[in-house]
PDB file of N, CA and C in Angstrom:
ATOM      1  N   MET A   1      -2.440 -15.916   6.636  1.00  0.00           N
ATOM      2  CA  MET A   1      -2.925 -16.448   5.506  1.00  0.00           C
ATOM      3  C   MET A   1      -1.664 -16.452   4.215  1.00  0.00           C
ATOM      4  N   GLY A   2      -1.413 -16.131   3.942  1.00  0.00           N
ATOM      5  CA  GLY A   2      -0.904 -16.277   3.206  1.00  0.00           C
ATOM      6  C   GLY A   2      -0.754 -16.205   2.047  1.00  0.00           C
ATOM      7  N   VAL A   3      -1.440 -14.382   1.889  1.00  0.00           N
ATOM      8  CA  VAL A   3      -2.084 -13.921   0.913  1.00  0.00           C
ATOM      9  C   VAL A   3      -1.171 -12.710   0.324  1.00  0.00           C
ATOM     10  N   PRO A   4      -0.481 -12.437  -0.719  1.00  0.00           N
ATOM     11  CA  PRO A   4       0.520 -11.442  -0.805  1.00  0.00           C
ATOM     12  C   PRO A   4      -0.866 -10.063  -1.064  1.00  0.00           C
ATOM     13  N   VAL A   5      -0.225  -9.248  -0.887  1.00  0.00           N
ATOM     14  CA  VAL A   5      -0.831  -7.675  -0.672  1.00  0.00           C
ATOM     15  C   VAL A   5      -0.053  -6.803  -1.748  1.00  0.00           C
ATOM     16  N   LYS A   6      -1.189  -6.536  -2.923  1.00  0.00           N
ATOM     17  CA  LYS A   6      -0.728  -6.411  -3.855  1.00  0.00           C
ATOM     18  C   LYS A   6      -1.104  -4.843  -4.105  1.00  0.00           C
ATOM     19  N   PHE A   7      -2.207  -4.555  -3.496  1.00  0.00           N
ATOM     20  CA  PHE A   7      -2.277  -2.597  -3.085  1.00  0.00           C
ATOM     21  C   PHE A   7      -2.762  -2.655  -2.008  1.00  0.00           C
ATOM     22  N   VAL A   8      -2.568  -0.972  -1.837  1.00  0.00           N
ATOM     23  CA  VAL A   8      -2.637  -0.078  -0.852  1.00  0.00           C
ATOM     24  C   VAL A   8      -3.483   0.618  -1.184  1.00  0.00           C
ATOM     25  N   GLY A   9      -4.650   1.648   0.400  1.00  0.00           N
ATOM     26  CA  GLY A   9      -5.384   2.072  -0.602  1.00  0.00           C
ATOM     27  C   GLY A   9      -4.974   3.220   0.782  1.00  0.00           C
ATOM     28  N   VAL A  10      -5.323   4.541  -0.129  1.00  0.00           N
ATOM     29  CA  VAL A  10      -4.482   5.828   0.249  1.00  0.00           C
ATOM     30  C   VAL A  10      -6.116   7.175   0.749  1.00  0.00           C
ATOM     31  N   GLY A  11      -7.156   6.433   0.267  1.00  0.00           N
ATOM     32  CA  GLY A  11      -8.066   7.242   0.245  1.00  0.00           C
ATOM     33  C   GLY A  11      -9.338   6.504   0.539  1.00  0.00           C
ATOM     34  N   GLU A  12     -10.608   6.848   0.082  1.00  0.00           N
ATOM     35  CA  GLU A  12     -11.630   6.387   0.176  1.00  0.00           C
ATOM     36  C   GLU A  12     -12.365   5.485  -1.121  1.00  0.00           C
ATOM     37  N   GLY A  13     -11.946   6.393  -1.913  1.00  0.00           N
ATOM     38  CA  GLY A  13     -12.228   5.479  -3.626  1.00  0.00           C
ATOM     39  C   GLY A  13     -11.602   4.884  -4.213  1.00  0.00           C
ATOM     40  N   MET A  14     -12.316   3.962  -5.176  1.00  0.00           N
ATOM     41  CA  MET A  14     -11.712   3.079  -6.256  1.00  0.00           C
ATOM     42  C   MET A  14     -10.400   3.589  -6.713  1.00  0.00           C
ATOM     43  N   ASP A  15     -10.009   4.702  -6.793  1.00  0.00           N
ATOM     44  CA  ASP A  15      -9.021   5.794  -7.659  1.00  0.00           C
ATOM     45  C   ASP A  15      -8.068   5.509  -6.517  1.00  0.00           C
ATOM     46  N   ASP A  16      -8.411   5.586  -5.284  1.00  0.00           N
ATOM     47  CA  ASP A  16      -6.940   5.634  -4.362  1.00  0.00           C
ATOM     48  C   ASP A  16      -6.343   4.444  -3.642  1.00  0.00           C
ATOM     49  N   LEU A  17      -6.621   3.338  -4.850  1.00  0.00           N
ATOM     50  CA  LEU A  17      -6.038   1.951  -4.742  1.00  0.00           C
ATOM     51  C   LEU A  17      -4.723   2.470  -5.833  1.00  0.00           C
ATOM     52  N   MET A  18      -3.586   1.981  -4.876  1.00  0.00           N
ATOM     53  CA  MET A  18      -1.991   2.589  -5.452  1.00  0.00           C
ATOM     54  C   MET A  18      -1.421   0.294  -5.727  1.00  0.00           C
ATOM     55  N   PRO A  19      -0.590   0.278  -6.210  1.00  0.00           N
ATOM     56  CA  PRO A  19       0.574  -0.631  -5.942  1.00  0.00           C
ATOM     57  C   PRO A  19       1.399  -0.861  -4.520  1.00  0.00           C
ATOM     58  N   PHE A  20       1.383  -1.914  -4.135  1.00  0.00           N
ATOM     59  CA  PHE A  20       1.780  -1.601  -2.761  1.00  0.00           C
ATOM     60  C   PHE A  20       3.601  -2.186  -3.069  1.00  0.00           C
ATOM     61  N   GLU A  21       4.352  -1.114  -2.879  1.00  0.00           N
ATOM     62  CA  GLU A  21       5.898  -1.563  -2.621  1.00  0.00           C
ATOM     63  C   GLU A  21       6.062  -1.260  -1.360  1.00  0.00           C
ATOM     64  N   PRO A  22       6.439  -2.913  -1.077  1.00  0.00           N
ATOM     65  CA  PRO A  22       6.926  -2.897   0.495  1.00  0.00           C
ATOM     66  C   PRO A  22       8.609  -1.866   0.877  1.00  0.00           C
ATOM     67  N   LYS A  23       8.930  -1.556  -0.109  1.00  0.00           N
ATOM     68  CA  LYS A  23      10.095  -0.590   0.475  1.00  0.00           C
ATOM     69  C   LYS A  23       9.705   1.284   0.709  1.00  0.00           C
ATOM     70  N   SER A  24       9.005   1.616  -0.288  1.00  0.00           N
ATOM     71  CA  SER A  24       8.316   2.818  -0.029  1.00  0.00           C
ATOM     72  C   SER A  24       7.429   2.440   1.117  1.00  0.00           C
ATOM     73  N   PHE A  25       6.869   1.803   1.105  1.00  0.00           N
ATOM     74  CA  PHE A  25       5.569   1.524   2.147  1.00  0.00           C
ATOM     75  C   PHE A  25       6.552   2.085   4.265  1.00  0.00           C
ATOM     76  N   SER A  26       7.098   0.899   3.841  1.00  0.00           N
ATOM     77  CA  SER A  26       7.916   1.281   4.765  1.00  0.00           C
ATOM     78  C   SER A  26       9.005   2.040   5.317  1.00  0.00           C
ATOM     79  N   GLU A  27       9.755   2.863   4.313  1.00  0.00           N
ATOM     80  CA  GLU A  27       9.924   4.421   5.044  1.00  0.00           C
ATOM     81  C   GLU A  27       9.449   5.266   4.846  1.00  0.00           C
ATOM     82  N   ALA A  28       7.684   5.207   4.743  1.00  0.00           N
ATOM     83  CA  ALA A  28       6.911   6.398   4.375  1.00  0.00           C
ATOM     84  C   ALA A  28       6.376   6.292   6.372  1.00  0.00           C
ATOM     85  N   LEU A  29       6.481   5.113   6.736  1.00  0.00           N
ATOM     86  CA  LEU A  29       5.922   4.659   8.176  1.00  0.00           C
ATOM     87  C   LEU A  29       7.084   5.136   9.339  1.00  0.00           C
ATOM     88  N   LEU A  30       7.987   5.192   8.862  1.00  0.00           N
ATOM     89  CA  LEU A  30       9.704   5.572   9.568  1.00  0.00           C
ATOM     90  C   LEU A  30       9.848   6.995   9.487  1.00  0.00           C
ATOM     91  N   SER A  31       9.433   7.713   8.089  1.00  0.00           N
ATOM     92  CA  SER A  31       9.821   9.401   7.978  1.00  0.00           C
ATOM     93  C   SER A  31       8.662   9.918   9.037  1.00  0.00           C
TER      94      SER A  31
END
């Protein structure tokens, strides 16, 4: 799609959006 990811949702509300950080996201997936 060519659209960069800017935020990732960590919950269900608008307050649960966090800036997307590729390194920390991939480390959390693999831990």
